Amino acid sequence: MNIDLSTLAPTQVYHLMTQTIIPRPIAWVLTDSGEQNYNLAPFSYFTAVSSQPPLLMFSVGKKPDGSPKDTARNALETGSMVIHIASADLAEQVTQSSATLQHGESEIPLTGVELEEIQGFHLPRVKACPIAFACRLYEVKEIGDTPQTLVFAQIESIYIDDAVVDENSERLKINAESVDPLARLGGSEYVTLAKTFSVARPK
């Protein structure tokens, strides 16, 4: 089967891409809508971009009415965000936080998650997440016909739960199976780690 994307509608292209680019990590992003009224939303167009500077990127679409989503709006207005890696047992809360709400209406009461302070950073993190990146806004780019908002976030610090750190390793090593990260497939499907394995790289 060979599919010419020029023959498909944008919704069909999205449907096809999300089923073939798998699995995708999820950025669960907390921002401030004002006066500590926190917005929390998941994005699976998400990746690391560079390590010098340490940048992450996630892509934000529009609300059904065409207006900007709160995450992009808040990031532009405040210049900061916290990007979480959620574990599989948070799938229900991650899904609930994808609901379209009015600007300023927080997902925190909706999901019931507990927040905790990040040392040296003004935004909190989701306490149950094993990994959280405290970030400041680096750059925003609008791309495409809709357009999508590409948010580039520079990492200032990383919270890592001690329980997912491999203490037997000589250098800092995160135990991926302990993190049990939630990843996205197509439709309403998620996937978790079934197993991990190593293949030596050529010298």
N, C-alpha and C. Protein backbone atom coordinates (compact mmCIF):
# COMPACT_ATOMS: atom_id res chain seq x y z
N MET A 1 0.85 -1.20 0.00
CA MET A 1 0.00 0.00 0.00
C MET A 1 0.88 1.25 0.00
N ASN A 2 0.62 2.16 -0.89
CA ASN A 2 1.32 3.44 -0.94
C ASN A 2 0.28 4.55 -0.97
N ILE A 3 0.34 5.46 -0.02
CA ILE A 3 -0.69 6.49 0.13
C ILE A 3 -0.13 7.85 -0.21
N ASP A 4 -0.72 8.52 -1.16
CA ASP A 4 -0.33 9.87 -1.56
C ASP A 4 -1.07 10.86 -0.66
N LEU A 5 -0.33 11.56 0.21
CA LEU A 5 -0.97 12.45 1.18
C LEU A 5 -1.64 13.65 0.53
N SER A 6 -1.26 13.98 -0.70
CA SER A 6 -1.89 15.11 -1.38
C SER A 6 -3.33 14.84 -1.74
N THR A 7 -3.75 13.57 -1.67
CA THR A 7 -5.13 13.20 -2.00
C THR A 7 -6.02 13.15 -0.75
N LEU A 8 -5.44 13.42 0.43
CA LEU A 8 -6.18 13.27 1.68
C LEU A 8 -6.52 14.62 2.30
N ALA A 9 -7.62 14.65 3.03
CA ALA A 9 -7.99 15.83 3.81
C ALA A 9 -7.09 15.92 5.03
N PRO A 10 -6.92 17.12 5.61
CA PRO A 10 -6.05 17.26 6.80
C PRO A 10 -6.40 16.32 7.94
N THR A 11 -7.68 16.09 8.18
CA THR A 11 -8.07 15.17 9.26
C THR A 11 -7.63 13.75 8.95
N GLN A 12 -7.65 13.37 7.67
CA GLN A 12 -7.20 12.03 7.28
C GLN A 12 -5.69 11.90 7.43
N VAL A 13 -4.97 12.98 7.10
CA VAL A 13 -3.52 12.96 7.27
C VAL A 13 -3.16 12.82 8.74
N TYR A 14 -3.85 13.58 9.58
CA TYR A 14 -3.62 13.49 11.03
C TYR A 14 -3.88 12.07 11.53
N HIS A 15 -4.99 11.50 11.11
CA HIS A 15 -5.37 10.15 11.52
C HIS A 15 -4.29 9.14 11.12
N LEU A 16 -3.76 9.30 9.90
CA LEU A 16 -2.75 8.37 9.40
C LEU A 16 -1.41 8.57 10.12
N MET A 17 -1.02 9.81 10.33
CA MET A 17 0.25 10.08 11.01
C MET A 17 0.26 9.57 12.44
N THR A 18 -0.84 9.78 13.15
CA THR A 18 -0.87 9.37 14.56
C THR A 18 -0.93 7.86 14.72
N GLN A 19 -1.26 7.14 13.66
CA GLN A 19 -1.27 5.68 13.73
C GLN A 19 0.04 5.06 13.23
N THR A 20 0.86 5.86 12.56
CA THR A 20 2.11 5.31 12.02
C THR A 20 3.35 5.83 12.74
N ILE A 21 3.28 7.01 13.32
CA ILE A 21 4.41 7.52 14.10
C ILE A 21 4.18 7.09 15.54
N ILE A 22 4.62 5.87 15.84
CA ILE A 22 4.29 5.25 17.13
C ILE A 22 5.51 4.52 17.70
N PRO A 23 5.59 4.43 19.02
CA PRO A 23 4.80 5.21 19.99
C PRO A 23 5.34 6.63 20.09
N ARG A 24 4.51 7.54 20.60
CA ARG A 24 4.93 8.92 20.78
C ARG A 24 4.94 9.26 22.27
N PRO A 25 6.04 9.85 22.77
CA PRO A 25 6.03 10.30 24.17
C PRO A 25 5.01 11.41 24.35
N ILE A 26 4.57 11.58 25.57
CA ILE A 26 3.55 12.59 25.89
C ILE A 26 4.16 13.66 26.79
N ALA A 27 4.02 14.91 26.35
CA ALA A 27 4.37 16.04 27.21
C ALA A 27 3.11 16.45 27.95
N TRP A 28 3.12 16.29 29.26
CA TRP A 28 1.98 16.71 30.08
C TRP A 28 2.37 18.06 30.67
N VAL A 29 1.82 19.13 30.12
CA VAL A 29 2.35 20.47 30.33
C VAL A 29 1.49 21.28 31.29
N LEU A 30 2.14 21.80 32.33
CA LEU A 30 1.48 22.68 33.28
C LEU A 30 1.92 24.11 33.01
N THR A 31 0.95 25.01 32.87
CA THR A 31 1.22 26.44 32.73
C THR A 31 0.30 27.20 33.67
N ASP A 32 0.54 28.50 33.78
CA ASP A 32 -0.24 29.34 34.69
C ASP A 32 -1.12 30.29 33.88
N SER A 33 -2.45 30.17 34.06
CA SER A 33 -3.39 31.06 33.38
C SER A 33 -3.54 32.40 34.10
N GLY A 34 -2.87 32.54 35.25
CA GLY A 34 -2.94 33.79 36.01
C GLY A 34 -3.33 33.54 37.44
N GLU A 35 -2.57 34.13 38.35
CA GLU A 35 -2.83 34.04 39.78
C GLU A 35 -2.90 32.59 40.25
N GLN A 36 -1.93 31.80 39.81
CA GLN A 36 -1.80 30.40 40.19
C GLN A 36 -3.04 29.58 39.84
N ASN A 37 -3.66 29.93 38.72
CA ASN A 37 -4.77 29.14 38.17
C ASN A 37 -4.16 28.26 37.08
N TYR A 38 -3.82 27.02 37.43
CA TYR A 38 -2.97 26.22 36.58
C TYR A 38 -3.73 25.44 35.51
N ASN A 39 -3.15 25.47 34.32
CA ASN A 39 -3.65 24.70 33.18
C ASN A 39 -2.77 23.46 33.04
N LEU A 40 -3.38 22.34 32.70
CA LEU A 40 -2.64 21.08 32.55
C LEU A 40 -3.18 20.35 31.33
N ALA A 41 -2.31 20.06 30.35
CA ALA A 41 -2.78 19.45 29.11
C ALA A 41 -1.70 18.57 28.49
N PRO A 42 -2.12 17.48 27.80
CA PRO A 42 -1.16 16.57 27.18
C PRO A 42 -0.96 16.85 25.68
N PHE A 43 0.28 16.62 25.21
CA PHE A 43 0.61 16.80 23.79
C PHE A 43 1.54 15.67 23.36
N SER A 44 1.17 14.97 22.28
CA SER A 44 1.99 13.85 21.84
C SER A 44 2.81 14.14 20.58
N TYR A 45 2.72 15.36 20.06
CA TYR A 45 3.71 15.81 19.09
C TYR A 45 4.80 16.48 19.94
N PHE A 46 5.76 15.67 20.41
CA PHE A 46 6.67 16.10 21.47
C PHE A 46 8.01 15.40 21.31
N THR A 47 9.10 16.16 21.47
CA THR A 47 10.42 15.54 21.36
C THR A 47 11.50 16.40 21.99
N ALA A 48 12.66 15.80 22.22
CA ALA A 48 13.86 16.55 22.57
C ALA A 48 14.44 17.13 21.29
N VAL A 49 15.01 18.34 21.39
CA VAL A 49 15.53 19.02 20.21
C VAL A 49 17.05 19.14 20.26
N SER A 50 17.58 19.58 21.39
CA SER A 50 19.03 19.72 21.51
C SER A 50 19.41 19.66 22.98
N SER A 51 20.73 19.44 23.23
CA SER A 51 21.20 19.40 24.61
C SER A 51 22.02 20.64 24.97
N GLN A 52 22.39 21.45 23.98
CA GLN A 52 23.14 22.68 24.24
C GLN A 52 22.65 23.76 23.29
N PRO A 53 21.62 24.51 23.64
CA PRO A 53 20.93 24.51 24.94
C PRO A 53 19.99 23.32 25.07
N PRO A 54 19.63 22.96 26.31
CA PRO A 54 18.72 21.82 26.52
C PRO A 54 17.28 22.19 26.17
N LEU A 55 16.84 21.78 24.98
CA LEU A 55 15.53 22.19 24.49
C LEU A 55 14.59 21.01 24.28
N LEU A 56 13.33 21.21 24.64
CA LEU A 56 12.23 20.33 24.30
C LEU A 56 11.29 21.08 23.37
N MET A 57 10.54 20.36 22.56
CA MET A 57 9.57 20.99 21.67
C MET A 57 8.27 20.20 21.70
N PHE A 58 7.15 20.90 21.82
CA PHE A 58 5.85 20.25 21.64
C PHE A 58 5.00 21.13 20.74
N SER A 59 4.11 20.49 20.01
CA SER A 59 3.29 21.17 19.02
C SER A 59 1.86 21.27 19.52
N VAL A 60 1.31 22.49 19.47
CA VAL A 60 -0.03 22.76 20.00
C VAL A 60 -0.96 23.18 18.88
N GLY A 61 -2.09 22.50 18.74
CA GLY A 61 -3.09 22.87 17.75
C GLY A 61 -3.99 23.98 18.29
N LYS A 62 -5.13 24.16 17.65
CA LYS A 62 -6.09 25.17 18.06
C LYS A 62 -7.29 24.52 18.74
N LYS A 63 -8.06 25.31 19.47
CA LYS A 63 -9.33 24.84 20.01
C LYS A 63 -10.31 24.65 18.84
N PRO A 64 -11.40 23.90 19.06
CA PRO A 64 -12.37 23.69 17.98
C PRO A 64 -12.89 24.97 17.33
N ASP A 65 -12.92 26.07 18.08
CA ASP A 65 -13.40 27.33 17.51
C ASP A 65 -12.29 28.12 16.81
N GLY A 66 -11.09 27.55 16.76
CA GLY A 66 -9.98 28.20 16.08
C GLY A 66 -9.13 29.09 16.96
N SER A 67 -9.50 29.28 18.20
CA SER A 67 -8.73 30.13 19.12
C SER A 67 -7.53 29.36 19.66
N PRO A 68 -6.51 30.08 20.17
CA PRO A 68 -5.33 29.40 20.71
C PRO A 68 -5.66 28.56 21.94
N LYS A 69 -4.99 27.42 22.07
CA LYS A 69 -5.15 26.63 23.28
C LYS A 69 -4.44 27.34 24.43
N ASP A 70 -4.94 27.08 25.64
CA ASP A 70 -4.44 27.79 26.81
C ASP A 70 -2.95 27.57 27.04
N THR A 71 -2.46 26.36 26.75
CA THR A 71 -1.04 26.08 27.00
C THR A 71 -0.15 27.02 26.21
N ALA A 72 -0.43 27.17 24.90
CA ALA A 72 0.39 28.07 24.08
C ALA A 72 0.21 29.52 24.52
N ARG A 73 -1.01 29.89 24.80
CA ARG A 73 -1.30 31.27 25.24
C ARG A 73 -0.58 31.59 26.55
N ASN A 74 -0.66 30.66 27.50
CA ASN A 74 -0.02 30.90 28.80
C ASN A 74 1.50 30.93 28.69
N ALA A 75 2.05 30.04 27.87
CA ALA A 75 3.50 29.99 27.69
C ALA A 75 4.02 31.31 27.13
N LEU A 76 3.28 31.87 26.16
CA LEU A 76 3.67 33.15 25.58
C LEU A 76 3.55 34.29 26.59
N GLU A 77 2.50 34.25 27.39
CA GLU A 77 2.26 35.35 28.33
C GLU A 77 3.17 35.30 29.56
N THR A 78 3.50 34.10 30.03
CA THR A 78 4.27 33.98 31.27
C THR A 78 5.72 33.59 31.05
N GLY A 79 6.00 32.94 29.91
CA GLY A 79 7.37 32.55 29.60
C GLY A 79 7.88 31.33 30.34
N SER A 80 6.99 30.54 30.92
CA SER A 80 7.44 29.36 31.66
C SER A 80 6.41 28.25 31.65
N MET A 81 6.86 27.04 31.95
CA MET A 81 5.99 25.86 31.97
C MET A 81 6.74 24.71 32.65
N VAL A 82 5.98 23.68 33.05
CA VAL A 82 6.56 22.45 33.57
C VAL A 82 6.06 21.31 32.69
N ILE A 83 7.01 20.56 32.12
CA ILE A 83 6.67 19.45 31.23
C ILE A 83 6.93 18.15 31.96
N HIS A 84 5.88 17.35 32.11
CA HIS A 84 5.96 16.10 32.86
C HIS A 84 6.01 14.89 31.94
N ILE A 85 6.67 13.85 32.43
CA ILE A 85 6.57 12.52 31.85
C ILE A 85 5.68 11.71 32.79
N ALA A 86 4.48 11.40 32.32
CA ALA A 86 3.51 10.69 33.17
C ALA A 86 3.71 9.19 33.07
N SER A 87 3.51 8.51 34.18
CA SER A 87 3.57 7.05 34.19
C SER A 87 2.22 6.49 33.77
N ALA A 88 2.22 5.20 33.43
CA ALA A 88 1.03 4.56 32.87
C ALA A 88 -0.18 4.63 33.79
N ASP A 89 0.06 4.63 35.09
CA ASP A 89 -1.08 4.62 36.02
C ASP A 89 -1.80 5.97 36.07
N LEU A 90 -1.29 6.96 35.34
CA LEU A 90 -1.94 8.27 35.28
C LEU A 90 -2.73 8.46 33.98
N ALA A 91 -2.94 7.38 33.24
CA ALA A 91 -3.61 7.47 31.93
C ALA A 91 -4.98 8.14 32.02
N GLU A 92 -5.74 7.85 33.04
CA GLU A 92 -7.08 8.42 33.18
C GLU A 92 -7.00 9.93 33.39
N GLN A 93 -6.10 10.36 34.26
CA GLN A 93 -5.96 11.79 34.52
C GLN A 93 -5.40 12.54 33.31
N VAL A 94 -4.45 11.92 32.60
CA VAL A 94 -3.91 12.54 31.39
C VAL A 94 -5.04 12.74 30.37
N THR A 95 -5.87 11.73 30.20
CA THR A 95 -6.98 11.81 29.25
C THR A 95 -7.99 12.87 29.68
N GLN A 96 -8.33 12.92 30.95
CA GLN A 96 -9.27 13.92 31.44
C GLN A 96 -8.76 15.34 31.18
N SER A 97 -7.45 15.52 31.27
CA SER A 97 -6.89 16.86 31.12
C SER A 97 -6.87 17.33 29.66
N SER A 98 -7.24 16.46 28.73
CA SER A 98 -7.30 16.85 27.31
C SER A 98 -8.62 17.52 26.95
N ALA A 99 -9.54 17.61 27.90
CA ALA A 99 -10.84 18.24 27.64
C ALA A 99 -10.68 19.71 27.27
N THR A 100 -11.52 20.19 26.36
CA THR A 100 -11.50 21.60 25.98
C THR A 100 -12.31 22.41 26.99
N LEU A 101 -11.62 23.29 27.71
CA LEU A 101 -12.26 24.11 28.73
C LEU A 101 -12.14 25.59 28.35
N GLN A 102 -12.91 26.42 29.01
CA GLN A 102 -12.80 27.85 28.82
C GLN A 102 -11.46 28.34 29.38
N HIS A 103 -10.91 29.39 28.78
CA HIS A 103 -9.65 29.92 29.27
C HIS A 103 -9.79 30.32 30.75
N GLY A 104 -8.83 29.87 31.54
CA GLY A 104 -8.86 30.17 32.96
C GLY A 104 -9.53 29.10 33.80
N GLU A 105 -10.19 28.13 33.14
CA GLU A 105 -10.80 27.02 33.87
C GLU A 105 -9.75 25.93 34.03
N SER A 106 -9.39 25.59 35.25
CA SER A 106 -8.27 24.70 35.52
C SER A 106 -8.65 23.22 35.41
N GLU A 107 -7.71 22.45 34.89
CA GLU A 107 -7.88 20.99 34.82
C GLU A 107 -7.49 20.31 36.14
N ILE A 108 -6.89 21.05 37.05
CA ILE A 108 -6.43 20.43 38.29
C ILE A 108 -7.59 19.85 39.11
N PRO A 109 -8.68 20.61 39.35
CA PRO A 109 -9.81 20.00 40.07
C PRO A 109 -10.47 18.86 39.26
N LEU A 110 -10.47 19.01 37.94
CA LEU A 110 -11.08 17.99 37.08
C LEU A 110 -10.37 16.65 37.19
N THR A 111 -9.04 16.69 37.25
CA THR A 111 -8.26 15.45 37.27
C THR A 111 -7.99 14.96 38.69
N GLY A 112 -8.06 15.88 39.66
CA GLY A 112 -7.79 15.49 41.04
C GLY A 112 -6.32 15.26 41.35
N VAL A 113 -5.41 15.73 40.48
CA VAL A 113 -3.99 15.52 40.74
C VAL A 113 -3.53 16.45 41.87
N GLU A 114 -2.48 16.04 42.56
CA GLU A 114 -1.90 16.84 43.62
C GLU A 114 -0.64 17.52 43.10
N LEU A 115 -0.47 18.78 43.43
CA LEU A 115 0.70 19.53 42.99
C LEU A 115 1.71 19.65 44.13
N GLU A 116 2.97 19.80 43.75
CA GLU A 116 4.03 19.95 44.74
C GLU A 116 5.05 20.96 44.23
N GLU A 117 5.65 21.69 45.14
CA GLU A 117 6.61 22.73 44.80
C GLU A 117 7.85 22.14 44.15
N ILE A 118 8.41 22.86 43.16
CA ILE A 118 9.71 22.54 42.59
C ILE A 118 10.72 23.49 43.20
N GLN A 119 11.74 22.94 43.81
CA GLN A 119 12.73 23.78 44.48
C GLN A 119 13.38 24.74 43.47
N GLY A 120 13.34 26.03 43.76
CA GLY A 120 13.99 27.02 42.92
C GLY A 120 13.23 27.42 41.69
N PHE A 121 11.96 26.98 41.57
CA PHE A 121 11.16 27.33 40.40
C PHE A 121 9.78 27.78 40.87
N HIS A 122 9.18 28.72 40.15
CA HIS A 122 7.94 29.34 40.65
C HIS A 122 6.68 28.56 40.30
N LEU A 123 6.76 27.59 39.39
CA LEU A 123 5.60 26.75 39.08
C LEU A 123 5.73 25.40 39.79
N PRO A 124 4.60 24.79 40.17
CA PRO A 124 4.66 23.48 40.80
C PRO A 124 4.68 22.35 39.76
N ARG A 125 4.82 21.15 40.24
CA ARG A 125 4.77 19.96 39.39
C ARG A 125 3.64 19.05 39.86
N VAL A 126 3.25 18.12 39.00
CA VAL A 126 2.30 17.08 39.38
C VAL A 126 3.06 16.07 40.23
N LYS A 127 2.66 15.94 41.47
CA LYS A 127 3.41 15.14 42.44
C LYS A 127 3.59 13.69 42.00
N ALA A 128 2.60 13.11 41.35
CA ALA A 128 2.65 11.69 41.00
C ALA A 128 3.55 11.38 39.82
N CYS A 129 3.98 12.38 39.07
CA CYS A 129 4.82 12.14 37.90
C CYS A 129 6.27 11.89 38.32
N PRO A 130 6.91 10.86 37.77
CA PRO A 130 8.29 10.55 38.17
C PRO A 130 9.33 11.51 37.60
N ILE A 131 8.98 12.23 36.53
CA ILE A 131 9.92 13.15 35.89
C ILE A 131 9.19 14.44 35.55
N ALA A 132 9.82 15.58 35.84
CA ALA A 132 9.25 16.88 35.51
C ALA A 132 10.37 17.84 35.12
N PHE A 133 10.19 18.52 33.99
CA PHE A 133 11.16 19.49 33.50
C PHE A 133 10.65 20.91 33.78
N ALA A 134 11.39 21.66 34.57
CA ALA A 134 11.06 23.06 34.81
C ALA A 134 11.68 23.87 33.68
N CYS A 135 10.84 24.55 32.91
CA CYS A 135 11.31 25.16 31.66
C CYS A 135 10.91 26.63 31.55
N ARG A 136 11.72 27.36 30.81
CA ARG A 136 11.33 28.70 30.39
C ARG A 136 11.17 28.69 28.88
N LEU A 137 10.34 29.57 28.39
CA LEU A 137 10.07 29.64 26.96
C LEU A 137 11.31 30.10 26.21
N TYR A 138 11.69 29.34 25.18
CA TYR A 138 12.85 29.68 24.36
C TYR A 138 12.42 30.36 23.07
N GLU A 139 11.41 29.77 22.40
CA GLU A 139 10.95 30.32 21.13
C GLU A 139 9.61 29.69 20.76
N VAL A 140 8.84 30.42 19.98
CA VAL A 140 7.57 29.91 19.46
C VAL A 140 7.55 30.12 17.95
N LYS A 141 7.14 29.11 17.23
CA LYS A 141 7.01 29.23 15.77
C LYS A 141 5.63 28.77 15.35
N GLU A 142 5.01 29.52 14.47
CA GLU A 142 3.73 29.11 13.88
C GLU A 142 4.03 28.45 12.54
N ILE A 143 3.44 27.29 12.30
CA ILE A 143 3.74 26.55 11.09
C ILE A 143 2.49 25.86 10.56
N GLY A 144 2.38 25.77 9.23
CA GLY A 144 1.27 25.05 8.62
C GLY A 144 0.08 25.94 8.34
N ASP A 145 -0.96 25.35 7.78
CA ASP A 145 -2.14 26.09 7.35
C ASP A 145 -3.08 26.42 8.50
N THR A 146 -3.04 25.63 9.57
CA THR A 146 -4.02 25.84 10.64
C THR A 146 -3.85 27.14 11.42
N PRO A 147 -2.68 27.58 11.91
CA PRO A 147 -1.41 26.85 11.99
C PRO A 147 -1.23 26.17 13.34
N GLN A 148 -0.21 25.29 13.40
CA GLN A 148 0.21 24.70 14.66
C GLN A 148 1.19 25.65 15.34
N THR A 149 1.20 25.63 16.65
CA THR A 149 2.16 26.42 17.42
C THR A 149 3.24 25.49 17.95
N LEU A 150 4.48 25.69 17.49
CA LEU A 150 5.60 24.91 17.99
C LEU A 150 6.22 25.67 19.17
N VAL A 151 6.17 25.05 20.33
CA VAL A 151 6.69 25.67 21.54
C VAL A 151 8.04 25.03 21.88
N PHE A 152 9.09 25.84 21.87
CA PHE A 152 10.42 25.37 22.24
C PHE A 152 10.67 25.81 23.68
N ALA A 153 10.96 24.84 24.54
CA ALA A 153 11.12 25.11 25.97
C ALA A 153 12.53 24.75 26.40
N GLN A 154 13.21 25.68 27.07
CA GLN A 154 14.55 25.42 27.57
C GLN A 154 14.49 24.93 29.01
N ILE A 155 15.11 23.78 29.24
CA ILE A 155 15.07 23.16 30.56
C ILE A 155 16.00 23.88 31.52
N GLU A 156 15.46 24.29 32.65
CA GLU A 156 16.27 24.91 33.71
C GLU A 156 16.66 23.88 34.77
N SER A 157 15.75 22.98 35.10
CA SER A 157 16.06 21.93 36.05
C SER A 157 15.14 20.75 35.79
N ILE A 158 15.56 19.58 36.28
CA ILE A 158 14.76 18.36 36.11
C ILE A 158 14.52 17.73 37.47
N TYR A 159 13.26 17.49 37.77
CA TYR A 159 12.92 16.70 38.96
C TYR A 159 12.87 15.24 38.54
N ILE A 160 13.55 14.38 39.29
CA ILE A 160 13.52 12.93 39.04
C ILE A 160 13.23 12.24 40.36
N ASP A 161 12.20 11.43 40.38
CA ASP A 161 11.86 10.66 41.57
C ASP A 161 13.01 9.68 41.87
N ASP A 162 13.49 9.69 43.10
CA ASP A 162 14.58 8.80 43.48
C ASP A 162 14.25 7.34 43.21
N ALA A 163 12.98 7.00 43.21
CA ALA A 163 12.58 5.60 43.03
C ALA A 163 12.86 5.08 41.62
N VAL A 164 13.06 5.99 40.65
CA VAL A 164 13.30 5.53 39.27
C VAL A 164 14.78 5.65 38.89
N VAL A 165 15.63 6.00 39.84
CA VAL A 165 17.06 6.10 39.59
C VAL A 165 17.72 4.78 39.93
N ASP A 166 18.56 4.27 39.01
CA ASP A 166 19.29 3.03 39.22
C ASP A 166 20.51 3.33 40.09
N GLU A 167 20.45 2.97 41.34
CA GLU A 167 21.53 3.31 42.28
C GLU A 167 22.76 2.43 42.09
N ASN A 168 22.65 1.36 41.32
CA ASN A 168 23.78 0.47 41.10
C ASN A 168 24.67 0.91 39.94
N SER A 169 24.23 1.94 39.23
CA SER A 169 25.00 2.42 38.09
C SER A 169 26.04 3.44 38.53
N GLU A 170 27.20 3.45 37.84
CA GLU A 170 28.27 4.37 38.20
C GLU A 170 27.90 5.81 37.84
N ARG A 171 27.15 6.02 36.78
CA ARG A 171 26.68 7.35 36.40
C ARG A 171 25.16 7.37 36.52
N LEU A 172 24.59 8.56 36.54
CA LEU A 172 23.14 8.66 36.71
C LEU A 172 22.41 7.90 35.60
N LYS A 173 21.61 6.95 35.99
CA LYS A 173 20.86 6.15 35.03
C LYS A 173 19.43 6.04 35.50
N ILE A 174 18.50 6.37 34.61
CA ILE A 174 17.08 6.26 34.92
C ILE A 174 16.58 4.88 34.51
N ASN A 175 15.88 4.23 35.41
CA ASN A 175 15.31 2.92 35.10
C ASN A 175 13.98 3.13 34.37
N ALA A 176 13.97 2.93 33.07
CA ALA A 176 12.79 3.20 32.25
C ALA A 176 11.59 2.36 32.67
N GLU A 177 11.84 1.13 33.07
CA GLU A 177 10.73 0.28 33.49
C GLU A 177 10.09 0.80 34.77
N SER A 178 10.89 1.41 35.62
CA SER A 178 10.33 2.00 36.85
C SER A 178 9.53 3.25 36.54
N VAL A 179 9.98 4.03 35.56
CA VAL A 179 9.20 5.19 35.12
C VAL A 179 7.88 4.74 34.53
N ASP A 180 7.90 3.65 33.77
CA ASP A 180 6.70 3.11 33.10
C ASP A 180 5.97 4.22 32.35
N PRO A 181 6.66 4.89 31.40
CA PRO A 181 6.07 6.07 30.76
C PRO A 181 4.87 5.73 29.89
N LEU A 182 3.89 6.60 29.95
CA LEU A 182 2.70 6.49 29.11
C LEU A 182 3.03 7.04 27.73
N ALA A 183 2.72 6.29 26.68
CA ALA A 183 3.00 6.73 25.31
C ALA A 183 1.74 6.63 24.46
N ARG A 184 1.70 7.38 23.39
CA ARG A 184 0.50 7.53 22.57
C ARG A 184 0.59 6.70 21.31
N LEU A 185 -0.54 6.12 20.95
CA LEU A 185 -0.73 5.48 19.65
C LEU A 185 -1.80 6.28 18.91
N GLY A 186 -2.51 5.65 17.97
CA GLY A 186 -3.59 6.35 17.28
C GLY A 186 -4.89 6.27 18.05
N GLY A 187 -5.87 7.08 17.62
CA GLY A 187 -7.19 7.04 18.25
C GLY A 187 -7.11 7.31 19.73
N SER A 188 -7.75 6.45 20.51
CA SER A 188 -7.74 6.59 21.98
C SER A 188 -6.77 5.63 22.64
N GLU A 189 -5.84 5.07 21.85
CA GLU A 189 -4.95 4.04 22.37
C GLU A 189 -3.66 4.60 22.97
N TYR A 190 -3.26 3.99 24.08
CA TYR A 190 -1.97 4.24 24.70
C TYR A 190 -1.17 2.94 24.67
N VAL A 191 0.12 3.07 24.99
CA VAL A 191 0.97 1.89 25.10
C VAL A 191 1.96 2.13 26.23
N THR A 192 2.42 1.04 26.84
CA THR A 192 3.43 1.13 27.89
C THR A 192 4.61 0.25 27.50
N LEU A 193 5.68 0.30 28.29
CA LEU A 193 6.84 -0.52 28.00
C LEU A 193 6.55 -1.98 28.31
N ALA A 194 6.73 -2.84 27.32
CA ALA A 194 6.59 -4.27 27.56
C ALA A 194 7.91 -4.86 28.05
N LYS A 195 9.01 -4.39 27.44
CA LYS A 195 10.33 -4.82 27.87
C LYS A 195 11.35 -3.82 27.32
N THR A 196 12.53 -3.83 27.90
CA THR A 196 13.62 -3.02 27.38
C THR A 196 14.77 -3.95 27.02
N PHE A 197 15.56 -3.55 26.02
CA PHE A 197 16.73 -4.35 25.64
C PHE A 197 17.78 -3.43 25.05
N SER A 198 19.01 -3.89 25.00
CA SER A 198 20.12 -3.09 24.51
C SER A 198 20.76 -3.74 23.29
N VAL A 199 21.22 -2.91 22.36
CA VAL A 199 22.00 -3.35 21.22
C VAL A 199 23.23 -2.46 21.16
N ALA A 200 24.42 -3.06 21.18
CA ALA A 200 25.64 -2.27 21.18
C ALA A 200 25.80 -1.48 19.90
N ARG A 201 26.18 -0.22 20.02
CA ARG A 201 26.41 0.63 18.86
C ARG A 201 27.77 0.32 18.25
N PRO A 202 27.91 0.48 16.92
CA PRO A 202 29.24 0.23 16.31
C PRO A 202 30.26 1.26 16.77
N LYS A 203 31.51 0.87 16.85
CA LYS A 203 32.57 1.76 17.29
C LYS A 203 33.05 2.62 16.12
